[in-house]
Amino acid sequence: MHRIILLSFLLITICLAQESLPVASFPKVKLVGNLQPDRGWVLKELLVDGRSYPGQDHSRGAQAALRSQGWDRATPEQRRKLALDWCTQAELFGQSVLRQKPEDFPSDQKFSPPTTTLSKDGVIRVEVWWASLSGNVALPAGAFYHLTRWEIQKDARIRPLYSPKRP
């Protein structure tokens, strides 16, 4: 009985502990959140140059983060790189971004490594496959594959075009 109480206490402590973690290509950005066993990394807030953006309003934080790396004066190719870096390193923080097709990838899905496209009006679309492992006893064990797309406007506003719920 004491072991169960101790394990429960440790699990609750881990879930409530918040961490502030850097984003590799964005030195002025920190992601603040915690790891939850059934959901993975949960974002609570973004810190950009010390300014706080709540997790539920992270699109403004993402815009500030992109601008902190020179988005406004960047060339279209530099913006494509910034957009891809942001989506793979921050938007999917804590997830496994797929750069190669896994052996057990569903045959009815078309895989591509992380990609960006630039429209004539300067809008960048990012498409990334990522994997999550089932940590939920109600789901079968193994990897689940997800495709997420974002659209980044010329002013660095970002919005998800498709973002599935995590298992």
Foldseek 3Di string as FASTA:
>chain_A
DVVVVVVVVVLVVQQPDWDWDDFVVQRQKTFIFGQHLQAGTDTQWMAGNNDTDGPVRCLVVQLSSLVSVPLLPDDLVVSQVSVLSCCVRPVQPRWAWDQDDDPPHDPVDDDHHWDWDADPQGKIKIKTKTWDFGSDPVDDGDIDIDIWMWIAHSSRRIDTPDDDGDD
